[in-house]
C-alpha atoms as a PDB file:
ATOM      1  CA  MET A   1     -40.617   0.117   1.185  1.00  0.00           C
ATOM      2  CA  SER A   2     -42.273   1.438   4.377  1.00  0.00           C
ATOM      3  CA  VAL A   3     -41.282   4.665   5.780  1.00  0.00           C
ATOM      4  CA  LYS A   4     -40.022   3.002   9.041  1.00  0.00           C
ATOM      5  CA  ARG A   5     -37.493   0.914   7.094  1.00  0.00           C
ATOM      6  CA  LYS A   6     -36.435   3.748   4.815  1.00  0.00           C
ATOM      7  CA  LEU A   7     -35.746   5.657   8.179  1.00  0.00           C
ATOM      8  CA  MET A   8     -33.879   2.762   9.697  1.00  0.00           C
ATOM      9  CA  LEU A   9     -31.854   2.129   6.551  1.00  0.00           C
ATOM     10  CA  LYS A  10     -30.918   5.828   6.545  1.00  0.00           C
ATOM     11  CA  LEU A  11     -29.809   5.989  10.163  1.00  0.00           C
ATOM     12  CA  TRP A  12     -27.899   2.663   9.538  1.00  0.00           C
ATOM     13  CA  CYS A  13     -25.858   4.040   6.729  1.00  0.00           C
ATOM     14  CA  ARG A  14     -25.158   7.378   8.460  1.00  0.00           C
ATOM     15  CA  ASN A  15     -23.887   5.408  11.432  1.00  0.00           C
ATOM     16  CA  VAL A  16     -21.667   3.262   9.369  1.00  0.00           C
ATOM     17  CA  LEU A  17     -20.272   6.438   7.484  1.00  0.00           C
ATOM     18  CA  GLU A  18     -19.611   8.157  10.775  1.00  0.00           C
ATOM     19  CA  GLN A  19     -17.794   5.226  12.061  1.00  0.00           C
ATOM     20  CA  ARG A  20     -15.616   4.939   9.091  1.00  0.00           C
ATOM     21  CA  VAL A  21     -14.849   8.793   8.882  1.00  0.00           C
ATOM     22  CA  SER A  22     -14.233   8.690  12.669  1.00  0.00           C
ATOM     23  CA  ASN A  23     -11.767   5.766  12.502  1.00  0.00           C
ATOM     24  CA  VAL A  24      -9.816   7.272   9.450  1.00  0.00           C
ATOM     25  CA  PHE A  25      -9.748  10.685  11.243  1.00  0.00           C
ATOM     26  CA  LYS A  26      -8.387   9.081  14.375  1.00  0.00           C
ATOM     27  CA  ASN A  27      -5.853   7.077  12.689  1.00  0.00           C
ATOM     28  CA  ASN A  28      -4.473   9.962  10.553  1.00  0.00           C
ATOM     29  CA  LEU A  29      -4.377  12.279  13.595  1.00  0.00           C
ATOM     30  CA  LEU A  30      -2.393   9.578  15.651  1.00  0.00           C
ATOM     31  CA  ILE A  31       0.106   9.240  12.861  1.00  0.00           C
ATOM     32  CA  ALA A  32       0.522  13.085  12.721  1.00  0.00           C
ATOM     33  CA  LEU A  33       0.919  13.245  16.494  1.00  0.00           C
ATOM     34  CA  LEU A  34       3.584  10.611  16.233  1.00  0.00           C
ATOM     35  CA  TYR A  35       5.510  12.634  13.651  1.00  0.00           C
ATOM     36  CA  TYR A  36       5.142  15.855  15.961  1.00  0.00           C
ATOM     37  CA  VAL A  37       6.392  14.017  19.068  1.00  0.00           C
ATOM     38  CA  GLY A  38       9.344  12.507  17.045  1.00  0.00           C
ATOM     39  CA  PHE A  39      10.328  15.720  15.637  1.00  0.00           C
ATOM     40  CA  THR A  40       9.981  17.485  19.047  1.00  0.00           C
ATOM     41  CA  ILE A  41      12.191  14.795  20.811  1.00  0.00           C
ATOM     42  CA  LYS A  42      14.778  15.090  17.888  1.00  0.00           C
ATOM     43  CA  ASP A  43      14.834  18.894  18.676  1.00  0.00           C
ATOM     44  CA  LEU A  44      15.392  18.322  22.111  1.00  0.00           C
ATOM     45  CA  ILE A  45      18.154  15.742  21.763  1.00  0.00           C
ATOM     46  CA  LEU A  46      19.962  17.505  18.882  1.00  0.00           C
ATOM     47  CA  LYS A  47      19.456  21.054  19.500  1.00  0.00           C
ATOM     48  CA  GLU A  48      18.664  21.290  23.057  1.00  0.00           C
ATOM     49  CA  ASN A  49      15.963  23.617  22.556  1.00  0.00           C
ATOM     50  CA  VAL A  50      12.525  22.785  21.062  1.00  0.00           C
ATOM     51  CA  HIS A  51      11.203  24.820  18.148  1.00  0.00           C
ATOM     52  CA  TRP A  52       7.351  24.314  18.964  1.00  0.00           C
ATOM     53  CA  MET A  53       5.869  26.606  16.220  1.00  0.00           C
ATOM     54  CA  ASP A  54       8.284  24.930  13.538  1.00  0.00           C
ATOM     55  CA  ASN A  55       6.852  21.356  14.459  1.00  0.00           C
ATOM     56  CA  ILE A  56       3.202  22.332  14.262  1.00  0.00           C
ATOM     57  CA  PRO A  57       3.284  22.580  10.247  1.00  0.00           C
ATOM     58  CA  ILE A  58       4.879  19.152  10.195  1.00  0.00           C
ATOM     59  CA  LEU A  59       1.738  17.802  12.152  1.00  0.00           C
ATOM     60  CA  VAL A  60      -0.709  19.627   9.745  1.00  0.00           C
ATOM     61  CA  MET A  61       1.176  18.380   6.796  1.00  0.00           C
ATOM     62  CA  ALA A  62       1.448  14.870   7.996  1.00  0.00           C
ATOM     63  CA  PHE A  63      -2.346  14.656   8.902  1.00  0.00           C
ATOM     64  CA  LEU A  64      -3.366  16.186   5.457  1.00  0.00           C
ATOM     65  CA  PHE A  65      -1.060  13.804   3.443  1.00  0.00           C
ATOM     66  CA  TYR A  66      -2.380  10.602   5.340  1.00  0.00           C
ATOM     67  CA  PHE A  67      -5.895  11.901   5.176  1.00  0.00           C
ATOM     68  CA  LEU A  68      -5.737  12.484   1.448  1.00  0.00           C
ATOM     69  CA  LEU A  69      -3.792   9.131   0.924  1.00  0.00           C
ATOM     70  CA  ASP A  70      -6.773   7.335   2.706  1.00  0.00           C
ATOM     71  CA  TRP A  71      -9.369   9.310   0.941  1.00  0.00           C
ATOM     72  CA  THR A  72      -7.713   8.240  -2.509  1.00  0.00           C
ATOM     73  CA  LYS A  73      -7.922   4.662  -1.613  1.00  0.00           C
ATOM     74  CA  LYS A  74     -11.609   4.542  -0.991  1.00  0.00           C
ATOM     75  CA  PRO A  75     -12.795   5.021  -4.512  1.00  0.00           C
ATOM     76  CA  TYR A  76     -10.561   2.371  -5.876  1.00  0.00           C
ATOM     77  CA  GLU A  77     -11.758  -0.138  -3.351  1.00  0.00           C
ATOM     78  CA  TRP A  78     -15.413   0.743  -4.021  1.00  0.00           C
ATOM     79  CA  ASN A  79     -15.083   0.426  -7.740  1.00  0.00           C
ATOM     80  CA  LYS A  80     -13.274  -2.853  -7.245  1.00  0.00           C
ATOM     81  CA  LYS A  81     -16.108  -4.284  -5.163  1.00  0.00           C
ATOM     82  CA  SER A  82     -18.957  -2.972  -7.606  1.00  0.00           C
ATOM     83  CA  SER A  83     -17.160  -4.484 -10.757  1.00  0.00           C
ATOM     84  CA  ASP A  84     -17.368  -7.981  -9.337  1.00  0.00           C
END
């Protein structure tokens, strides 16, 4: 394989990986932000004052949970495709 082809293949793989990671990151961040907004609205309605610092750990935990959930799904899908 020529050097030019190897370089193009490397760049293509890097681009695909960056897009996949970017999409996963954006989706998980969106879900976490929805949790944050939901808990903030709940505080506003029920308690009439918002505890901003109490809601930040919820955002972080939701992001990590969904990010790890997506991360654990990827090897299974890859293994399923490679066994075919």
